[in-house]
């Protein structure tokens, strides 16, 4: 694991167990979603790429967002994507259970497919 990523995760753990649990679980889902996924620290969070960047995890004080580079083009079958920008959309999570309730793995798969 890259030293910068390791430091980032330690910093998140220091913020609190809930944030760390959300970030860790999201990271596991993204990294398990396909082969050759890379991660880096960028824009204050973890940015994931396959052929090109497709999503990122960004912790805030009261929540964590999973942001999709081309989220506006994704079908929002569960009505969980937030944002009004031209391209990006995100899913906001405040608890570990939000990950399953908001069908995060399905959206990660769609975003990865759209990036490839």
N, C-alpha and C. Protein backbone atom coordinates (compact mmCIF):
# COMPACT_ATOMS: atom_id res chain seq x y z
N UNK A 1 0.85 -1.18 0.00
CA UNK A 1 0.00 0.00 0.00
C UNK A 1 0.89 1.24 0.00
N UNK A 2 0.52 2.19 -0.79
CA UNK A 2 1.22 3.47 -0.88
C UNK A 2 1.22 4.16 0.49
N UNK A 3 2.35 4.74 0.85
CA UNK A 3 2.50 5.40 2.15
C UNK A 3 1.48 6.53 2.34
N UNK A 4 1.19 7.26 1.27
CA UNK A 4 0.21 8.36 1.37
C UNK A 4 -1.19 7.82 1.68
N UNK A 5 -1.52 6.68 1.10
CA UNK A 5 -2.83 6.07 1.36
C UNK A 5 -2.89 5.58 2.80
N UNK A 6 -1.81 4.96 3.24
CA UNK A 6 -1.73 4.49 4.62
C UNK A 6 -1.92 5.65 5.60
N UNK A 7 -1.25 6.77 5.36
CA UNK A 7 -1.37 7.95 6.22
C UNK A 7 -2.79 8.50 6.19
N UNK A 8 -3.39 8.54 5.00
CA UNK A 8 -4.77 9.00 4.85
C UNK A 8 -5.71 8.16 5.71
N UNK A 9 -5.56 6.85 5.66
CA UNK A 9 -6.43 5.95 6.43
C UNK A 9 -6.23 6.11 7.94
N UNK A 10 -4.99 6.33 8.37
CA UNK A 10 -4.72 6.58 9.78
C UNK A 10 -5.41 7.87 10.22
N UNK A 11 -5.33 8.90 9.38
CA UNK A 11 -5.99 10.17 9.69
C UNK A 11 -7.50 10.00 9.81
N UNK A 12 -8.08 9.20 8.93
CA UNK A 12 -9.53 8.95 8.98
C UNK A 12 -9.89 8.20 10.26
N UNK A 13 -9.10 7.22 10.62
CA UNK A 13 -9.36 6.46 11.86
C UNK A 13 -9.34 7.41 13.06
N UNK A 14 -8.44 8.38 13.05
CA UNK A 14 -8.36 9.34 14.16
C UNK A 14 -9.61 10.21 14.25
N UNK A 15 -10.33 10.37 13.15
CA UNK A 15 -11.57 11.16 13.16
C UNK A 15 -12.70 10.43 13.86
N UNK A 16 -12.66 9.10 13.82
CA UNK A 16 -13.70 8.31 14.46
C UNK A 16 -13.91 6.99 13.77
N UNK A 17 -14.40 6.04 14.53
CA UNK A 17 -14.58 4.68 14.01
C UNK A 17 -15.63 4.60 12.91
N UNK A 18 -16.70 5.38 13.01
CA UNK A 18 -17.75 5.30 12.00
C UNK A 18 -17.22 5.74 10.65
N UNK A 19 -16.54 6.88 10.61
CA UNK A 19 -15.97 7.34 9.34
C UNK A 19 -14.97 6.35 8.79
N UNK A 20 -14.13 5.83 9.64
CA UNK A 20 -13.13 4.86 9.21
C UNK A 20 -13.80 3.60 8.65
N UNK A 21 -14.85 3.13 9.31
CA UNK A 21 -15.56 1.93 8.86
C UNK A 21 -16.19 2.17 7.49
N UNK A 22 -16.81 3.33 7.30
CA UNK A 22 -17.43 3.65 6.01
C UNK A 22 -16.37 3.70 4.92
N UNK A 23 -15.31 4.46 5.15
CA UNK A 23 -14.25 4.59 4.15
C UNK A 23 -13.63 3.23 3.83
N UNK A 24 -13.35 2.45 4.84
CA UNK A 24 -12.72 1.14 4.64
C UNK A 24 -13.61 0.21 3.83
N UNK A 25 -14.89 0.18 4.16
CA UNK A 25 -15.80 -0.71 3.44
C UNK A 25 -15.99 -0.25 1.99
N UNK A 26 -16.12 1.04 1.79
CA UNK A 26 -16.24 1.57 0.42
C UNK A 26 -14.99 1.21 -0.39
N UNK A 27 -13.85 1.38 0.22
CA UNK A 27 -12.58 1.07 -0.45
C UNK A 27 -12.54 -0.40 -0.85
N UNK A 28 -12.96 -1.28 0.03
CA UNK A 28 -12.99 -2.72 -0.28
C UNK A 28 -13.89 -3.00 -1.47
N UNK A 29 -15.06 -2.38 -1.49
CA UNK A 29 -16.01 -2.59 -2.60
C UNK A 29 -15.41 -2.13 -3.91
N UNK A 30 -14.82 -0.95 -3.92
CA UNK A 30 -14.26 -0.41 -5.16
C UNK A 30 -13.09 -1.27 -5.64
N UNK A 31 -12.18 -1.60 -4.76
CA UNK A 31 -11.01 -2.39 -5.17
C UNK A 31 -11.39 -3.80 -5.62
N UNK A 32 -12.49 -4.34 -5.11
CA UNK A 32 -12.93 -5.68 -5.50
C UNK A 32 -13.82 -5.67 -6.75
N UNK A 33 -14.13 -4.50 -7.27
CA UNK A 33 -15.09 -4.41 -8.38
C UNK A 33 -14.51 -4.80 -9.73
N UNK A 34 -13.21 -4.93 -9.83
CA UNK A 34 -12.62 -5.31 -11.11
C UNK A 34 -11.12 -5.41 -11.01
N UNK A 35 -10.51 -5.97 -12.06
CA UNK A 35 -9.04 -6.11 -12.07
C UNK A 35 -8.36 -4.78 -12.39
N UNK A 36 -7.12 -4.66 -11.98
CA UNK A 36 -6.28 -3.52 -12.35
C UNK A 36 -6.83 -2.16 -11.93
N UNK A 37 -7.49 -2.10 -10.78
CA UNK A 37 -7.95 -0.82 -10.26
C UNK A 37 -6.84 -0.23 -9.41
N UNK A 38 -6.51 1.00 -9.70
CA UNK A 38 -5.48 1.69 -8.92
C UNK A 38 -6.13 2.75 -8.06
N UNK A 39 -5.42 3.12 -7.00
CA UNK A 39 -5.92 4.17 -6.11
C UNK A 39 -4.80 5.15 -5.81
N UNK A 40 -5.19 6.38 -5.60
CA UNK A 40 -4.23 7.42 -5.26
C UNK A 40 -4.93 8.47 -4.41
N UNK A 41 -4.13 9.24 -3.70
CA UNK A 41 -4.67 10.37 -2.94
C UNK A 41 -4.72 11.56 -3.89
N UNK A 42 -5.91 12.11 -4.03
CA UNK A 42 -6.08 13.26 -4.91
C UNK A 42 -7.34 14.01 -4.50
N UNK A 43 -7.30 15.32 -4.56
CA UNK A 43 -8.45 16.17 -4.23
C UNK A 43 -8.94 15.97 -2.80
N UNK A 44 -8.07 15.53 -1.89
CA UNK A 44 -8.45 15.35 -0.51
C UNK A 44 -9.12 14.03 -0.19
N UNK A 45 -9.07 13.10 -1.11
CA UNK A 45 -9.70 11.80 -0.89
C UNK A 45 -8.96 10.71 -1.64
N UNK A 46 -9.60 9.57 -1.76
CA UNK A 46 -9.05 8.44 -2.51
C UNK A 46 -9.70 8.43 -3.90
N UNK A 47 -8.88 8.49 -4.92
CA UNK A 47 -9.38 8.47 -6.30
C UNK A 47 -9.03 7.12 -6.91
N UNK A 48 -10.01 6.48 -7.54
CA UNK A 48 -9.83 5.16 -8.13
C UNK A 48 -9.92 5.24 -9.64
N UNK A 49 -9.02 4.50 -10.30
CA UNK A 49 -8.97 4.49 -11.76
C UNK A 49 -8.88 3.07 -12.27
N UNK A 50 -9.40 2.86 -13.46
CA UNK A 50 -9.19 1.62 -14.22
C UNK A 50 -8.53 2.10 -15.50
N UNK A 51 -9.25 2.20 -16.58
CA UNK A 51 -8.71 2.80 -17.79
C UNK A 51 -8.56 4.31 -17.58
N UNK A 52 -9.44 4.86 -16.75
CA UNK A 52 -9.41 6.28 -16.37
C UNK A 52 -10.11 6.41 -15.01
N UNK A 53 -10.01 7.55 -14.36
CA UNK A 53 -10.68 7.71 -13.07
C UNK A 53 -12.18 7.49 -13.19
N UNK A 54 -12.75 6.76 -12.22
CA UNK A 54 -14.19 6.52 -12.29
C UNK A 54 -14.92 6.83 -10.98
N UNK A 55 -14.21 6.83 -9.85
CA UNK A 55 -14.89 7.21 -8.60
C UNK A 55 -13.87 7.60 -7.54
N UNK A 56 -14.38 8.20 -6.48
CA UNK A 56 -13.52 8.61 -5.38
C UNK A 56 -14.28 8.63 -4.07
N UNK A 57 -13.55 8.42 -2.99
CA UNK A 57 -14.11 8.45 -1.64
C UNK A 57 -13.60 9.71 -0.96
N UNK A 58 -14.54 10.51 -0.44
CA UNK A 58 -14.17 11.78 0.17
C UNK A 58 -14.85 11.93 1.53
N UNK A 59 -14.05 11.94 2.60
CA UNK A 59 -14.61 12.10 3.95
C UNK A 59 -14.82 13.57 4.31
N UNK A 60 -15.94 13.84 4.94
CA UNK A 60 -16.25 15.17 5.45
C UNK A 60 -16.51 15.04 6.95
N UNK A 61 -16.80 16.11 7.62
CA UNK A 61 -16.99 16.07 9.07
C UNK A 61 -18.12 15.14 9.49
N UNK A 62 -19.27 15.23 8.84
CA UNK A 62 -20.44 14.48 9.28
C UNK A 62 -20.86 13.35 8.33
N UNK A 63 -20.13 13.16 7.23
CA UNK A 63 -20.49 12.12 6.27
C UNK A 63 -19.31 11.78 5.37
N UNK A 64 -19.51 10.77 4.55
CA UNK A 64 -18.53 10.36 3.55
C UNK A 64 -19.28 10.32 2.22
N UNK A 65 -18.65 10.80 1.15
CA UNK A 65 -19.29 10.68 -0.15
C UNK A 65 -18.47 9.76 -1.05
N UNK A 66 -19.19 9.04 -1.88
CA UNK A 66 -18.60 8.27 -2.96
C UNK A 66 -19.00 9.02 -4.21
N UNK A 67 -18.02 9.60 -4.89
CA UNK A 67 -18.30 10.45 -6.03
C UNK A 67 -17.94 9.72 -7.32
N UNK A 68 -18.78 9.94 -8.33
CA UNK A 68 -18.60 9.31 -9.62
C UNK A 68 -18.27 10.36 -10.66
N UNK A 69 -17.15 10.17 -11.34
CA UNK A 69 -16.67 11.14 -12.32
C UNK A 69 -17.71 11.42 -13.40
N UNK A 70 -18.36 10.39 -13.89
CA UNK A 70 -19.38 10.52 -14.94
C UNK A 70 -20.74 10.10 -14.40
N UNK A 71 -21.02 10.47 -13.17
CA UNK A 71 -22.24 10.04 -12.50
C UNK A 71 -23.53 10.50 -13.15
N UNK A 72 -23.50 11.64 -13.82
CA UNK A 72 -24.72 12.14 -14.47
C UNK A 72 -25.17 11.21 -15.59
N UNK A 73 -24.25 10.43 -16.14
CA UNK A 73 -24.59 9.51 -17.22
C UNK A 73 -25.05 8.14 -16.71
N UNK A 74 -24.92 7.89 -15.40
CA UNK A 74 -25.32 6.60 -14.84
C UNK A 74 -26.83 6.55 -14.64
N UNK A 75 -27.44 5.38 -14.90
CA UNK A 75 -28.86 5.25 -14.57
C UNK A 75 -29.02 5.23 -13.05
N UNK A 76 -29.89 6.06 -12.53
CA UNK A 76 -30.09 6.15 -11.08
C UNK A 76 -31.32 5.33 -10.68
N UNK A 77 -31.20 4.01 -10.84
CA UNK A 77 -32.33 3.12 -10.62
C UNK A 77 -32.85 3.12 -9.19
N UNK A 78 -32.03 3.49 -8.24
CA UNK A 78 -32.45 3.50 -6.83
C UNK A 78 -32.65 4.91 -6.29
N UNK A 79 -32.48 5.91 -7.14
CA UNK A 79 -32.72 7.30 -6.73
C UNK A 79 -31.83 7.80 -5.62
N UNK A 80 -30.54 7.41 -5.64
CA UNK A 80 -29.64 7.80 -4.56
C UNK A 80 -28.55 8.79 -4.99
N UNK A 81 -28.41 9.01 -6.28
CA UNK A 81 -27.35 9.92 -6.74
C UNK A 81 -27.75 11.36 -6.46
N UNK A 82 -26.78 12.10 -5.94
CA UNK A 82 -27.00 13.50 -5.59
C UNK A 82 -26.08 14.38 -6.42
N UNK A 83 -26.46 15.62 -6.60
CA UNK A 83 -25.63 16.59 -7.30
C UNK A 83 -26.33 17.11 -8.54
N UNK A 84 -25.96 18.30 -8.91
CA UNK A 84 -26.58 18.96 -10.05
C UNK A 84 -25.57 19.36 -11.11
N UNK A 85 -24.29 19.00 -10.91
CA UNK A 85 -23.25 19.40 -11.84
C UNK A 85 -23.41 18.77 -13.21
N UNK A 86 -22.59 19.21 -14.12
CA UNK A 86 -22.66 18.74 -15.50
C UNK A 86 -22.35 17.25 -15.62
N UNK A 87 -21.38 16.75 -14.82
CA UNK A 87 -20.99 15.36 -14.97
C UNK A 87 -21.00 14.54 -13.70
N UNK A 88 -20.54 15.13 -12.61
CA UNK A 88 -20.35 14.37 -11.37
C UNK A 88 -21.65 14.18 -10.61
N UNK A 89 -21.71 13.02 -9.91
CA UNK A 89 -22.78 12.74 -8.97
C UNK A 89 -22.15 12.02 -7.78
N UNK A 90 -22.83 12.02 -6.66
CA UNK A 90 -22.28 11.35 -5.47
C UNK A 90 -23.39 10.70 -4.66
N UNK A 91 -22.96 9.76 -3.81
CA UNK A 91 -23.83 9.14 -2.83
C UNK A 91 -23.27 9.51 -1.46
N UNK A 92 -24.13 10.05 -0.61
CA UNK A 92 -23.71 10.48 0.73
C UNK A 92 -24.05 9.40 1.74
N UNK A 93 -23.07 9.08 2.62
CA UNK A 93 -23.27 8.08 3.65
C UNK A 93 -22.87 8.62 5.02
N UNK A 94 -23.75 8.36 6.00
CA UNK A 94 -23.48 8.77 7.37
C UNK A 94 -23.33 7.59 8.31
N UNK A 95 -23.68 6.41 7.81
CA UNK A 95 -23.54 5.20 8.63
C UNK A 95 -23.12 4.04 7.73
N UNK A 96 -22.61 3.00 8.34
CA UNK A 96 -22.16 1.83 7.59
C UNK A 96 -23.33 1.18 6.85
N UNK A 97 -24.51 1.20 7.45
CA UNK A 97 -25.67 0.57 6.81
C UNK A 97 -26.10 1.30 5.54
N UNK A 98 -25.75 2.57 5.40
CA UNK A 98 -26.09 3.32 4.18
C UNK A 98 -25.47 2.69 2.94
N UNK A 99 -24.35 2.01 3.09
CA UNK A 99 -23.66 1.42 1.94
C UNK A 99 -24.55 0.39 1.26
N UNK A 100 -25.13 -0.52 2.03
CA UNK A 100 -26.03 -1.53 1.45
C UNK A 100 -27.36 -0.91 1.05
N UNK A 101 -27.92 -0.05 1.90
CA UNK A 101 -29.22 0.54 1.64
C UNK A 101 -29.24 1.39 0.38
N UNK A 102 -28.09 1.94 0.02
CA UNK A 102 -28.01 2.80 -1.16
C UNK A 102 -27.41 2.08 -2.37
N UNK A 103 -27.27 0.76 -2.26
CA UNK A 103 -26.85 -0.09 -3.38
C UNK A 103 -25.53 0.36 -3.99
N UNK A 104 -24.59 0.70 -3.13
CA UNK A 104 -23.31 1.25 -3.57
C UNK A 104 -22.57 0.33 -4.54
N UNK A 105 -22.53 -0.95 -4.25
CA UNK A 105 -21.78 -1.88 -5.12
C UNK A 105 -22.30 -1.85 -6.55
N UNK A 106 -23.61 -1.75 -6.71
CA UNK A 106 -24.19 -1.70 -8.06
C UNK A 106 -23.74 -0.43 -8.80
N UNK A 107 -23.73 0.69 -8.10
CA UNK A 107 -23.31 1.95 -8.72
C UNK A 107 -21.82 1.94 -9.06
N UNK A 108 -21.01 1.34 -8.19
CA UNK A 108 -19.58 1.22 -8.48
C UNK A 108 -19.37 0.39 -9.75
N UNK A 109 -20.11 -0.71 -9.87
CA UNK A 109 -20.01 -1.54 -11.07
C UNK A 109 -20.41 -0.79 -12.33
N UNK A 110 -21.48 0.00 -12.25
CA UNK A 110 -21.90 0.80 -13.41
C UNK A 110 -20.85 1.84 -13.77
N UNK A 111 -20.29 2.49 -12.74
CA UNK A 111 -19.29 3.53 -12.99
C UNK A 111 -18.03 2.94 -13.61
N UNK A 112 -17.62 1.79 -13.13
CA UNK A 112 -16.44 1.11 -13.70
C UNK A 112 -16.71 0.73 -15.14
N UNK A 113 -17.87 0.19 -15.42
CA UNK A 113 -18.23 -0.16 -16.80
C UNK A 113 -18.24 1.03 -17.73
N UNK A 114 -18.73 2.17 -17.23
CA UNK A 114 -18.77 3.38 -18.04
C UNK A 114 -17.38 3.95 -18.31
N UNK A 115 -16.44 3.68 -17.40
CA UNK A 115 -15.07 4.21 -17.55
C UNK A 115 -14.24 3.39 -18.50
N UNK A 116 -14.62 2.15 -18.71
CA UNK A 116 -13.81 1.24 -19.53
C UNK A 116 -14.14 1.32 -20.95
